[in-house]
């Protein structure tokens, strides 16, 4: 594979921090008076699917990395550590700006698809940082209502990214299937505030699965189904329509991968009693995992910084990112 073809065209006189960080002054934050319930933390597709499910199943393979992608990490031709750092950065910035979970998933999909078709030069950190910024920026422009202003260098990288992906930016992610599979559970878990803990836990599992390259061996639909079943905590019958499109063997294998990497640590989801009032919004704590560890660690998430405070987020993250049920880092 040829080296990154246009890397030299991305050199410029701009400060590296301006490329790898976003200034708070360039971002319109949510109103400080907004209550937590007014801040969207789950993708709208959980309750209102916007793409026909048959089309999603038919096209999901077209939005996955090339078939040899995992093998190239295993033989060392691709840098797994650099990918991990890029994903950590994407999830860190995603949590800082309180983006939707689907935005992070879409950005990581762009990252993997790009890396499976293009080669980044080894020994240089800035191309990875620039690619990470471009992936998250393009994803935010598709899913979010407010996006930051970015330097011209990032805009050039965005164009390179979109050209490499043949302008197929509306990728299919596991979040596109959550509403469908949620409706097939023994109790319909797509509506009502009582189901939010389940959806948040499934969302968290999908996000932390991006740390593990092995999950790229499964279709997005299988990852969504496995994450929901792990969050649900109960087995369902083999004859369930849940397995009409995705096979039980595939879902079980993916579900086992969540267990092997220590991602499933929370207590099983408890179905809300019919007579209970709606409004139970707190999800059970769900641990995430580092790809280098088999056991999860829990910690109390820090209080968020005031939204009006100017901050710069440097694109150098050490260690794996841990997130809670809201997608915030622990």
C-alpha atoms as a PDB file:
ATOM      1  CA  UNK A   1       0.000   0.000   0.000  1.00  0.00           C
ATOM      2  CA  UNK A   2       1.303   3.410  -0.915  1.00  0.00           C
ATOM      3  CA  UNK A   3       2.037   5.946   1.834  1.00  0.00           C
ATOM      4  CA  UNK A   4      -0.444   8.641   2.686  1.00  0.00           C
ATOM      5  CA  UNK A   5      -0.635  10.411  -0.727  1.00  0.00           C
ATOM      6  CA  UNK A   6      -1.410  13.968   0.263  1.00  0.00           C
ATOM      7  CA  UNK A   7       0.369  14.281   3.596  1.00  0.00           C
ATOM      8  CA  UNK A   8       2.774  16.928   2.314  1.00  0.00           C
ATOM      9  CA  UNK A   9      -0.116  19.147   1.244  1.00  0.00           C
ATOM     10  CA  UNK A  10      -1.321  19.291   4.838  1.00  0.00           C
ATOM     11  CA  UNK A  11       1.783  21.017   6.173  1.00  0.00           C
ATOM     12  CA  UNK A  12       1.174  24.629   7.056  1.00  0.00           C
ATOM     13  CA  UNK A  13       2.346  27.401   9.344  1.00  0.00           C
ATOM     14  CA  UNK A  14      -0.590  27.072  11.737  1.00  0.00           C
ATOM     15  CA  UNK A  15       0.127  26.229  15.347  1.00  0.00           C
ATOM     16  CA  UNK A  16      -0.342  22.537  16.105  1.00  0.00           C
ATOM     17  CA  UNK A  17      -2.572  23.334  19.072  1.00  0.00           C
ATOM     18  CA  UNK A  18      -4.969  25.167  16.762  1.00  0.00           C
ATOM     19  CA  UNK A  19      -5.294  22.048  14.654  1.00  0.00           C
ATOM     20  CA  UNK A  20      -5.601  19.584  17.515  1.00  0.00           C
ATOM     21  CA  UNK A  21      -7.779  21.560  19.895  1.00  0.00           C
ATOM     22  CA  UNK A  22     -11.031  23.476  19.844  1.00  0.00           C
ATOM     23  CA  UNK A  23     -11.384  26.848  21.494  1.00  0.00           C
ATOM     24  CA  UNK A  24     -14.400  27.344  23.712  1.00  0.00           C
ATOM     25  CA  UNK A  25     -14.928  30.823  22.258  1.00  0.00           C
ATOM     26  CA  UNK A  26     -15.713  29.272  18.874  1.00  0.00           C
ATOM     27  CA  UNK A  27     -18.402  26.997  20.220  1.00  0.00           C
ATOM     28  CA  UNK A  28     -21.976  27.714  21.187  1.00  0.00           C
ATOM     29  CA  UNK A  29     -22.586  25.748  24.362  1.00  0.00           C
ATOM     30  CA  UNK A  30     -25.977  24.647  25.647  1.00  0.00           C
ATOM     31  CA  UNK A  31     -27.629  27.237  27.818  1.00  0.00           C
ATOM     32  CA  UNK A  32     -26.385  27.098  31.393  1.00  0.00           C
ATOM     33  CA  UNK A  33     -29.990  27.303  32.539  1.00  0.00           C
ATOM     34  CA  UNK A  34     -30.940  24.092  30.751  1.00  0.00           C
ATOM     35  CA  UNK A  35     -31.796  21.207  33.011  1.00  0.00           C
ATOM     36  CA  UNK A  36     -30.117  17.811  32.528  1.00  0.00           C
ATOM     37  CA  UNK A  37     -33.328  16.425  31.057  1.00  0.00           C
ATOM     38  CA  UNK A  38     -33.259  19.098  28.351  1.00  0.00           C
ATOM     39  CA  UNK A  39     -29.823  18.058  27.119  1.00  0.00           C
ATOM     40  CA  UNK A  40     -30.126  15.293  24.522  1.00  0.00           C
ATOM     41  CA  UNK A  41     -27.917  12.377  25.480  1.00  0.00           C
ATOM     42  CA  UNK A  42     -29.436   9.632  23.353  1.00  0.00           C
ATOM     43  CA  UNK A  43     -29.755   9.492  19.574  1.00  0.00           C
ATOM     44  CA  UNK A  44     -33.164  10.348  18.197  1.00  0.00           C
ATOM     45  CA  UNK A  45     -33.192   7.013  16.379  1.00  0.00           C
ATOM     46  CA  UNK A  46     -33.915   5.289  19.706  1.00  0.00           C
ATOM     47  CA  UNK A  47     -37.504   6.478  19.543  1.00  0.00           C
ATOM     48  CA  UNK A  48     -37.965   7.658  15.968  1.00  0.00           C
ATOM     49  CA  UNK A  49     -36.235   5.632  13.252  1.00  0.00           C
ATOM     50  CA  UNK A  50     -35.479   7.820  10.246  1.00  0.00           C
ATOM     51  CA  UNK A  51     -34.212   5.142   7.860  1.00  0.00           C
ATOM     52  CA  UNK A  52     -36.173   2.046   6.711  1.00  0.00           C
ATOM     53  CA  UNK A  53     -34.851  -0.963   8.582  1.00  0.00           C
ATOM     54  CA  UNK A  54     -34.665  -3.126   5.439  1.00  0.00           C
ATOM     55  CA  UNK A  55     -32.397  -0.560   3.776  1.00  0.00           C
ATOM     56  CA  UNK A  56     -30.161  -0.490   6.840  1.00  0.00           C
ATOM     57  CA  UNK A  57     -29.698  -4.259   6.856  1.00  0.00           C
ATOM     58  CA  UNK A  58     -29.082  -4.261   3.097  1.00  0.00           C
ATOM     59  CA  UNK A  59     -26.395  -1.571   3.161  1.00  0.00           C
ATOM     60  CA  UNK A  60     -24.589  -2.057   6.483  1.00  0.00           C
ATOM     61  CA  UNK A  61     -21.780  -4.114   4.935  1.00  0.00           C
ATOM     62  CA  UNK A  62     -21.065  -1.286   2.498  1.00  0.00           C
ATOM     63  CA  UNK A  63     -20.133   1.003   5.399  1.00  0.00           C
ATOM     64  CA  UNK A  64     -17.623  -1.274   7.105  1.00  0.00           C
ATOM     65  CA  UNK A  65     -13.815  -1.320   6.786  1.00  0.00           C
ATOM     66  CA  UNK A  66     -12.215  -3.670   4.289  1.00  0.00           C
ATOM     67  CA  UNK A  67     -12.213  -7.360   5.130  1.00  0.00           C
ATOM     68  CA  UNK A  68      -8.448  -7.492   5.794  1.00  0.00           C
ATOM     69  CA  UNK A  69      -8.521  -4.590   8.255  1.00  0.00           C
ATOM     70  CA  UNK A  70      -8.370  -6.665  11.456  1.00  0.00           C
ATOM     71  CA  UNK A  71      -5.627  -8.908  10.055  1.00  0.00           C
ATOM     72  CA  UNK A  72      -3.445  -5.869   9.344  1.00  0.00           C
ATOM     73  CA  UNK A  73      -3.561  -4.922  13.025  1.00  0.00           C
ATOM     74  CA  UNK A  74      -2.672  -8.472  13.963  1.00  0.00           C
ATOM     75  CA  UNK A  75       0.376  -8.621  11.667  1.00  0.00           C
ATOM     76  CA  UNK A  76       1.584  -5.171  12.749  1.00  0.00           C
ATOM     77  CA  UNK A  77       1.130  -3.377   9.431  1.00  0.00           C
ATOM     78  CA  UNK A  78      -1.299  -1.023  11.180  1.00  0.00           C
ATOM     79  CA  UNK A  79      -0.538   0.665  14.502  1.00  0.00           C
ATOM     80  CA  UNK A  80      -3.130  -0.506  17.044  1.00  0.00           C
ATOM     81  CA  UNK A  81      -1.802   1.882  19.704  1.00  0.00           C
ATOM     82  CA  UNK A  82      -2.228   4.884  17.414  1.00  0.00           C
ATOM     83  CA  UNK A  83      -5.793   3.824  16.635  1.00  0.00           C
ATOM     84  CA  UNK A  84      -6.514   3.457  20.341  1.00  0.00           C
ATOM     85  CA  UNK A  85      -5.177   6.955  21.045  1.00  0.00           C
ATOM     86  CA  UNK A  86      -7.269   8.393  18.217  1.00  0.00           C
ATOM     87  CA  UNK A  87     -10.413   6.746  19.590  1.00  0.00           C
ATOM     88  CA  UNK A  88      -9.615   7.962  23.098  1.00  0.00           C
ATOM     89  CA  UNK A  89      -9.338  11.498  21.761  1.00  0.00           C
ATOM     90  CA  UNK A  90     -12.605  11.261  19.809  1.00  0.00           C
ATOM     91  CA  UNK A  91     -14.502   9.967  22.855  1.00  0.00           C
ATOM     92  CA  UNK A  92     -12.902  12.585  25.109  1.00  0.00           C
ATOM     93  CA  UNK A  93     -13.933  15.472  22.864  1.00  0.00           C
ATOM     94  CA  UNK A  94     -17.322  13.862  22.267  1.00  0.00           C
ATOM     95  CA  UNK A  95     -17.948  13.817  26.027  1.00  0.00           C
ATOM     96  CA  UNK A  96     -16.601  17.354  26.522  1.00  0.00           C
ATOM     97  CA  UNK A  97     -19.006  18.832  23.977  1.00  0.00           C
ATOM     98  CA  UNK A  98     -21.841  16.493  25.002  1.00  0.00           C
ATOM     99  CA  UNK A  99     -22.320  15.226  21.474  1.00  0.00           C
ATOM    100  CA  UNK A 100     -24.808  12.444  20.764  1.00  0.00           C
ATOM    101  CA  UNK A 101     -23.414   8.914  21.149  1.00  0.00           C
ATOM    102  CA  UNK A 102     -24.101   8.250  17.465  1.00  0.00           C
ATOM    103  CA  UNK A 103     -21.741  11.118  16.566  1.00  0.00           C
ATOM    104  CA  UNK A 104     -18.788   9.362  18.201  1.00  0.00           C
ATOM    105  CA  UNK A 105     -19.734   6.040  16.617  1.00  0.00           C
ATOM    106  CA  UNK A 106     -19.976   7.674  13.189  1.00  0.00           C
ATOM    107  CA  UNK A 107     -16.604   9.412  13.622  1.00  0.00           C
ATOM    108  CA  UNK A 108     -14.896   6.132  14.557  1.00  0.00           C
ATOM    109  CA  UNK A 109     -16.528   4.461  11.560  1.00  0.00           C
ATOM    110  CA  UNK A 110     -14.949   7.124   9.345  1.00  0.00           C
ATOM    111  CA  UNK A 111     -11.596   6.558  11.044  1.00  0.00           C
ATOM    112  CA  UNK A 112     -11.626   2.796  10.486  1.00  0.00           C
ATOM    113  CA  UNK A 113     -12.853   3.025   6.906  1.00  0.00           C
ATOM    114  CA  UNK A 114     -10.176   5.584   6.083  1.00  0.00           C
ATOM    115  CA  UNK A 115      -7.386   3.553   7.691  1.00  0.00           C
ATOM    116  CA  UNK A 116      -8.493   0.423   5.842  1.00  0.00           C
ATOM    117  CA  UNK A 117      -7.997   2.160   2.478  1.00  0.00           C
ATOM    118  CA  UNK A 118      -5.210   4.695   3.156  1.00  0.00           C
ATOM    119  CA  UNK A 119      -1.815   4.498   4.846  1.00  0.00           C
ATOM    120  CA  UNK A 120      -0.660   7.074   7.360  1.00  0.00           C
ATOM    121  CA  UNK A 121       3.099   7.660   7.687  1.00  0.00           C
ATOM    122  CA  UNK A 122       4.651   5.970  10.698  1.00  0.00           C
ATOM    123  CA  UNK A 123       6.515   7.913  13.349  1.00  0.00           C
ATOM    124  CA  UNK A 124       4.413  11.064  13.004  1.00  0.00           C
ATOM    125  CA  UNK A 125       1.722  11.948  15.516  1.00  0.00           C
ATOM    126  CA  UNK A 126       0.140  14.937  13.812  1.00  0.00           C
ATOM    127  CA  UNK A 127      -1.477  13.047  10.856  1.00  0.00           C
ATOM    128  CA  UNK A 128      -3.379  10.874  13.338  1.00  0.00           C
ATOM    129  CA  UNK A 129      -4.475  13.923  15.306  1.00  0.00           C
ATOM    130  CA  UNK A 130      -5.551  15.737  12.173  1.00  0.00           C
ATOM    131  CA  UNK A 131      -7.463  12.690  10.926  1.00  0.00           C
ATOM    132  CA  UNK A 132      -9.207  12.324  14.304  1.00  0.00           C
ATOM    133  CA  UNK A 133     -10.297  15.963  14.269  1.00  0.00           C
ATOM    134  CA  UNK A 134     -11.592  15.661  10.701  1.00  0.00           C
ATOM    135  CA  UNK A 135     -13.539  12.456  11.445  1.00  0.00           C
ATOM    136  CA  UNK A 136     -15.266  13.956  14.472  1.00  0.00           C
ATOM    137  CA  UNK A 137     -15.881  17.268  12.722  1.00  0.00           C
ATOM    138  CA  UNK A 138     -17.592  15.668   9.719  1.00  0.00           C
ATOM    139  CA  UNK A 139     -19.642  13.389  11.975  1.00  0.00           C
ATOM    140  CA  UNK A 140     -20.739  16.378  14.066  1.00  0.00           C
ATOM    141  CA  UNK A 141     -21.809  18.249  10.944  1.00  0.00           C
ATOM    142  CA  UNK A 142     -24.071  15.338  10.052  1.00  0.00           C
ATOM    143  CA  UNK A 143     -25.562  14.571  13.474  1.00  0.00           C
ATOM    144  CA  UNK A 144     -25.297  17.752  15.572  1.00  0.00           C
ATOM    145  CA  UNK A 145     -27.065  21.096  15.337  1.00  0.00           C
ATOM    146  CA  UNK A 146     -24.019  23.125  16.453  1.00  0.00           C
ATOM    147  CA  UNK A 147     -20.438  22.526  15.349  1.00  0.00           C
ATOM    148  CA  UNK A 148     -17.214  24.440  16.074  1.00  0.00           C
ATOM    149  CA  UNK A 149     -15.265  26.553  13.622  1.00  0.00           C
ATOM    150  CA  UNK A 150     -12.048  24.859  12.588  1.00  0.00           C
ATOM    151  CA  UNK A 151      -8.800  25.941  10.902  1.00  0.00           C
ATOM    152  CA  UNK A 152      -8.347  25.665   7.154  1.00  0.00           C
ATOM    153  CA  UNK A 153      -5.980  22.715   7.581  1.00  0.00           C
ATOM    154  CA  UNK A 154      -8.773  20.667   9.152  1.00  0.00           C
ATOM    155  CA  UNK A 155     -11.138  21.586   6.338  1.00  0.00           C
ATOM    156  CA  UNK A 156      -8.586  20.293   3.830  1.00  0.00           C
ATOM    157  CA  UNK A 157      -8.346  17.071   5.804  1.00  0.00           C
ATOM    158  CA  UNK A 158     -12.148  16.827   5.820  1.00  0.00           C
ATOM    159  CA  UNK A 159     -12.150  16.972   2.016  1.00  0.00           C
ATOM    160  CA  UNK A 160      -9.436  14.321   1.842  1.00  0.00           C
ATOM    161  CA  UNK A 161     -11.401  12.121   4.250  1.00  0.00           C
ATOM    162  CA  UNK A 162     -14.647  12.435   2.313  1.00  0.00           C
ATOM    163  CA  UNK A 163     -12.916  11.755  -0.994  1.00  0.00           C
ATOM    164  CA  UNK A 164     -11.232   8.642   0.438  1.00  0.00           C
ATOM    165  CA  UNK A 165     -14.628   7.381   1.636  1.00  0.00           C
ATOM    166  CA  UNK A 166     -16.159   8.163  -1.780  1.00  0.00           C
ATOM    167  CA  UNK A 167     -18.494  10.686  -0.136  1.00  0.00           C
ATOM    168  CA  UNK A 168     -20.502   7.913   1.529  1.00  0.00           C
ATOM    169  CA  UNK A 169     -20.760   9.727   4.847  1.00  0.00           C
ATOM    170  CA  UNK A 170     -24.203   8.614   6.050  1.00  0.00           C
ATOM    171  CA  UNK A 171     -22.779   5.399   7.431  1.00  0.00           C
ATOM    172  CA  UNK A 172     -24.788   2.681   9.109  1.00  0.00           C
ATOM    173  CA  UNK A 173     -23.820   2.345  12.780  1.00  0.00           C
ATOM    174  CA  UNK A 174     -25.120   0.108  15.597  1.00  0.00           C
ATOM    175  CA  UNK A 175     -27.242   3.014  16.833  1.00  0.00           C
ATOM    176  CA  UNK A 176     -29.399   2.740  13.700  1.00  0.00           C
ATOM    177  CA  UNK A 177     -30.629  -0.672  14.885  1.00  0.00           C
ATOM    178  CA  UNK A 178     -31.223  -0.048  18.584  1.00  0.00           C
ATOM    179  CA  UNK A 179     -34.830   1.080  18.157  1.00  0.00           C
ATOM    180  CA  UNK A 180     -35.673  -1.936  15.995  1.00  0.00           C
ATOM    181  CA  UNK A 181     -34.164  -4.534  18.314  1.00  0.00           C
ATOM    182  CA  UNK A 182     -35.500  -2.760  21.387  1.00  0.00           C
ATOM    183  CA  UNK A 183     -39.030  -3.183  20.055  1.00  0.00           C
ATOM    184  CA  UNK A 184     -38.460  -6.960  19.782  1.00  0.00           C
ATOM    185  CA  UNK A 185     -37.502  -7.496  23.414  1.00  0.00           C
ATOM    186  CA  UNK A 186     -40.065  -9.215  25.672  1.00  0.00           C
ATOM    187  CA  UNK A 187     -41.064  -5.756  26.845  1.00  0.00           C
ATOM    188  CA  UNK A 188     -40.994  -2.948  24.281  1.00  0.00           C
ATOM    189  CA  UNK A 189     -38.008  -0.850  25.311  1.00  0.00           C
ATOM    190  CA  UNK A 190     -38.212   1.993  22.831  1.00  0.00           C
ATOM    191  CA  UNK A 191     -40.653   4.301  24.589  1.00  0.00           C
ATOM    192  CA  UNK A 192     -41.136   5.625  28.077  1.00  0.00           C
ATOM    193  CA  UNK A 193     -38.684   7.073  30.560  1.00  0.00           C
ATOM    194  CA  UNK A 194     -38.545   3.764  32.425  1.00  0.00           C
ATOM    195  CA  UNK A 195     -36.561   2.272  29.540  1.00  0.00           C
ATOM    196  CA  UNK A 196     -33.913   4.991  29.486  1.00  0.00           C
ATOM    197  CA  UNK A 197     -31.556   3.037  31.803  1.00  0.00           C
ATOM    198  CA  UNK A 198     -31.553   0.150  29.315  1.00  0.00           C
ATOM    199  CA  UNK A 199     -30.928   2.425  26.343  1.00  0.00           C
ATOM    200  CA  UNK A 200     -28.178   4.296  28.127  1.00  0.00           C
ATOM    201  CA  UNK A 201     -26.449   1.084  29.098  1.00  0.00           C
ATOM    202  CA  UNK A 202     -26.694  -0.266  25.551  1.00  0.00           C
ATOM    203  CA  UNK A 203     -25.368   3.056  24.247  1.00  0.00           C
ATOM    204  CA  UNK A 204     -22.401   2.854  26.612  1.00  0.00           C
ATOM    205  CA  UNK A 205     -21.621  -0.710  25.541  1.00  0.00           C
ATOM    206  CA  UNK A 206     -21.666   0.287  21.874  1.00  0.00           C
ATOM    207  CA  UNK A 207     -19.292   3.171  22.528  1.00  0.00           C
ATOM    208  CA  UNK A 208     -16.753   1.179  24.547  1.00  0.00           C
ATOM    209  CA  UNK A 209     -16.828  -1.621  21.958  1.00  0.00           C
ATOM    210  CA  UNK A 210     -14.993   0.725  19.583  1.00  0.00           C
ATOM    211  CA  UNK A 211     -11.854   0.263  21.689  1.00  0.00           C
ATOM    212  CA  UNK A 212     -11.626  -3.395  20.650  1.00  0.00           C
ATOM    213  CA  UNK A 213     -10.703  -4.119  17.041  1.00  0.00           C
ATOM    214  CA  UNK A 214     -12.324  -7.574  17.236  1.00  0.00           C
ATOM    215  CA  UNK A 215     -15.792  -6.002  17.216  1.00  0.00           C
ATOM    216  CA  UNK A 216     -15.142  -4.879  13.630  1.00  0.00           C
ATOM    217  CA  UNK A 217     -15.622  -8.520  12.675  1.00  0.00           C
ATOM    218  CA  UNK A 218     -19.346  -8.163  13.389  1.00  0.00           C
ATOM    219  CA  UNK A 219     -22.013  -6.288  11.471  1.00  0.00           C
ATOM    220  CA  UNK A 220     -23.316  -3.117  13.146  1.00  0.00           C
ATOM    221  CA  UNK A 221     -26.683  -4.857  13.537  1.00  0.00           C
ATOM    222  CA  UNK A 222     -25.064  -7.725  15.467  1.00  0.00           C
ATOM    223  CA  UNK A 223     -23.236  -5.284  17.761  1.00  0.00           C
ATOM    224  CA  UNK A 224     -26.499  -3.445  18.453  1.00  0.00           C
ATOM    225  CA  UNK A 225     -28.366  -6.683  19.166  1.00  0.00           C
ATOM    226  CA  UNK A 226     -25.620  -8.008  21.448  1.00  0.00           C
ATOM    227  CA  UNK A 227     -25.327  -4.706  23.333  1.00  0.00           C
ATOM    228  CA  UNK A 228     -29.077  -4.609  23.953  1.00  0.00           C
ATOM    229  CA  UNK A 229     -29.140  -8.204  25.193  1.00  0.00           C
ATOM    230  CA  UNK A 230     -26.177  -7.532  27.493  1.00  0.00           C
ATOM    231  CA  UNK A 231     -27.943  -4.454  28.844  1.00  0.00           C
ATOM    232  CA  UNK A 232     -31.232  -6.346  29.157  1.00  0.00           C
ATOM    233  CA  UNK A 233     -29.561  -9.141  31.117  1.00  0.00           C
ATOM    234  CA  UNK A 234     -32.060 -11.843  30.166  1.00  0.00           C
ATOM    235  CA  UNK A 235     -32.075 -14.581  27.546  1.00  0.00           C
ATOM    236  CA  UNK A 236     -34.758 -14.614  24.882  1.00  0.00           C
ATOM    237  CA  UNK A 237     -36.216 -17.554  22.992  1.00  0.00           C
ATOM    238  CA  UNK A 238     -34.458 -18.868  19.896  1.00  0.00           C
ATOM    239  CA  UNK A 239     -37.720 -18.514  17.963  1.00  0.00           C
ATOM    240  CA  UNK A 240     -37.951 -14.809  18.749  1.00  0.00           C
ATOM    241  CA  UNK A 241     -38.176 -12.438  15.749  1.00  0.00           C
ATOM    242  CA  UNK A 242     -35.057 -10.928  17.299  1.00  0.00           C
ATOM    243  CA  UNK A 243     -33.083 -13.538  15.323  1.00  0.00           C
ATOM    244  CA  UNK A 244     -34.973 -13.333  12.028  1.00  0.00           C
ATOM    245  CA  UNK A 245     -32.275 -11.204  10.370  1.00  0.00           C
ATOM    246  CA  UNK A 246     -29.207 -11.597  12.576  1.00  0.00           C
ATOM    247  CA  UNK A 247     -28.344 -15.171  13.505  1.00  0.00           C
ATOM    248  CA  UNK A 248     -28.337 -16.247  17.120  1.00  0.00           C
ATOM    249  CA  UNK A 249     -24.797 -17.624  16.735  1.00  0.00           C
ATOM    250  CA  UNK A 250     -23.469 -14.268  15.537  1.00  0.00           C
ATOM    251  CA  UNK A 251     -25.206 -12.349  18.321  1.00  0.00           C
ATOM    252  CA  UNK A 252     -24.022 -14.845  20.943  1.00  0.00           C
ATOM    253  CA  UNK A 253     -20.419 -14.564  19.723  1.00  0.00           C
ATOM    254  CA  UNK A 254     -20.568 -10.784  19.858  1.00  0.00           C
ATOM    255  CA  UNK A 255     -22.256 -10.876  23.245  1.00  0.00           C
ATOM    256  CA  UNK A 256     -19.505 -13.155  24.548  1.00  0.00           C
ATOM    257  CA  UNK A 257     -16.921 -10.631  23.367  1.00  0.00           C
ATOM    258  CA  UNK A 258     -18.519  -8.001  25.611  1.00  0.00           C
ATOM    259  CA  UNK A 259     -18.152 -10.438  28.512  1.00  0.00           C
ATOM    260  CA  UNK A 260     -14.564 -11.447  27.699  1.00  0.00           C
ATOM    261  CA  UNK A 261     -13.407  -7.832  27.736  1.00  0.00           C
ATOM    262  CA  UNK A 262     -15.161  -7.127  31.027  1.00  0.00           C
ATOM    263  CA  UNK A 263     -17.651  -4.636  29.615  1.00  0.00           C
ATOM    264  CA  UNK A 264     -20.728  -6.228  31.182  1.00  0.00           C
ATOM    265  CA  UNK A 265     -20.501  -5.517  34.906  1.00  0.00           C
ATOM    266  CA  UNK A 266     -23.767  -3.836  35.851  1.00  0.00           C
ATOM    267  CA  UNK A 267     -26.783  -5.516  37.428  1.00  0.00           C
ATOM    268  CA  UNK A 268     -29.426  -6.800  34.985  1.00  0.00           C
ATOM    269  CA  UNK A 269     -31.959  -4.327  33.697  1.00  0.00           C
ATOM    270  CA  UNK A 270     -35.121  -4.253  35.784  1.00  0.00           C
ATOM    271  CA  UNK A 271     -38.311  -3.789  33.826  1.00  0.00           C
ATOM    272  CA  UNK A 272     -40.331  -0.831  35.104  1.00  0.00           C
ATOM    273  CA  UNK A 273     -43.547  -1.850  36.867  1.00  0.00           C
ATOM    274  CA  UNK A 274     -46.667  -0.706  34.952  1.00  0.00           C
ATOM    275  CA  UNK A 275     -48.031   1.195  37.944  1.00  0.00           C
ATOM    276  CA  UNK A 276     -44.791   3.062  38.626  1.00  0.00           C
ATOM    277  CA  UNK A 277     -44.686   6.702  37.552  1.00  0.00           C
ATOM    278  CA  UNK A 278     -42.478   7.542  34.600  1.00  0.00           C
ATOM    279  CA  UNK A 279     -39.414   9.575  35.397  1.00  0.00           C
ATOM    280  CA  UNK A 280     -36.783   7.165  36.624  1.00  0.00           C
ATOM    281  CA  UNK A 281     -33.907   8.578  34.634  1.00  0.00           C
ATOM    282  CA  UNK A 282     -30.851   7.257  36.448  1.00  0.00           C
ATOM    283  CA  UNK A 283     -29.153   4.359  34.680  1.00  0.00           C
ATOM    284  CA  UNK A 284     -27.259   1.731  36.611  1.00  0.00           C
ATOM    285  CA  UNK A 285     -23.524   2.236  36.610  1.00  0.00           C
ATOM    286  CA  UNK A 286     -21.920   0.326  33.777  1.00  0.00           C
ATOM    287  CA  UNK A 287     -18.191  -0.219  33.699  1.00  0.00           C
ATOM    288  CA  UNK A 288     -16.165   0.110  30.536  1.00  0.00           C
ATOM    289  CA  UNK A 289     -12.906  -1.574  29.720  1.00  0.00           C
ATOM    290  CA  UNK A 290      -9.434  -0.900  28.509  1.00  0.00           C
ATOM    291  CA  UNK A 291      -8.388  -3.263  25.737  1.00  0.00           C
ATOM    292  CA  UNK A 292      -5.320  -4.115  27.797  1.00  0.00           C
ATOM    293  CA  UNK A 293      -7.372  -5.144  30.857  1.00  0.00           C
ATOM    294  CA  UNK A 294      -9.922  -7.836  31.505  1.00  0.00           C
ATOM    295  CA  UNK A 295     -11.507  -6.164  34.513  1.00  0.00           C
ATOM    296  CA  UNK A 296     -13.321  -2.851  34.569  1.00  0.00           C
ATOM    297  CA  UNK A 297     -12.669  -0.024  36.968  1.00  0.00           C
ATOM    298  CA  UNK A 298     -15.262   2.310  38.385  1.00  0.00           C
ATOM    299  CA  UNK A 299     -14.844   5.855  39.534  1.00  0.00           C
ATOM    300  CA  UNK A 300     -16.945   8.858  40.352  1.00  0.00           C
ATOM    301  CA  UNK A 301     -17.233  11.144  37.306  1.00  0.00           C
ATOM    302  CA  UNK A 302     -15.957  14.676  37.876  1.00  0.00           C
ATOM    303  CA  UNK A 303     -18.285  17.627  37.916  1.00  0.00           C
ATOM    304  CA  UNK A 304     -18.454  19.218  34.449  1.00  0.00           C
ATOM    305  CA  UNK A 305     -16.708  22.544  33.985  1.00  0.00           C
ATOM    306  CA  UNK A 306     -18.886  25.655  33.588  1.00  0.00           C
ATOM    307  CA  UNK A 307     -19.870  25.924  29.906  1.00  0.00           C
ATOM    308  CA  UNK A 308     -18.820  29.568  29.670  1.00  0.00           C
ATOM    309  CA  UNK A 309     -15.239  28.921  30.688  1.00  0.00           C
ATOM    310  CA  UNK A 310     -12.696  29.080  27.849  1.00  0.00           C
ATOM    311  CA  UNK A 311     -10.875  25.813  27.497  1.00  0.00           C
ATOM    312  CA  UNK A 312      -8.581  24.197  24.982  1.00  0.00           C
ATOM    313  CA  UNK A 313      -8.619  20.433  24.614  1.00  0.00           C
ATOM    314  CA  UNK A 314      -5.223  19.114  23.538  1.00  0.00           C
ATOM    315  CA  UNK A 315      -5.360  16.047  21.314  1.00  0.00           C
ATOM    316  CA  UNK A 316      -3.020  13.912  23.398  1.00  0.00           C
ATOM    317  CA  UNK A 317      -4.834  11.335  25.505  1.00  0.00           C
ATOM    318  CA  UNK A 318      -2.994   8.758  27.600  1.00  0.00           C
ATOM    319  CA  UNK A 319      -4.659   5.469  28.431  1.00  0.00           C
ATOM    320  CA  UNK A 320      -8.073   4.172  27.424  1.00  0.00           C
ATOM    321  CA  UNK A 321     -11.119   6.367  27.869  1.00  0.00           C
ATOM    322  CA  UNK A 322     -13.785   5.269  30.312  1.00  0.00           C
ATOM    323  CA  UNK A 323     -17.310   6.512  29.992  1.00  0.00           C
ATOM    324  CA  UNK A 324     -20.422   6.322  32.117  1.00  0.00           C
ATOM    325  CA  UNK A 325     -23.986   5.668  30.975  1.00  0.00           C
ATOM    326  CA  UNK A 326     -24.272   9.219  29.629  1.00  0.00           C
ATOM    327  CA  UNK A 327     -21.143   8.871  27.508  1.00  0.00           C
ATOM    328  CA  UNK A 328     -19.086  11.055  29.881  1.00  0.00           C
ATOM    329  CA  UNK A 329     -15.529  10.019  30.832  1.00  0.00           C
ATOM    330  CA  UNK A 330     -14.984   8.605  34.309  1.00  0.00           C
END
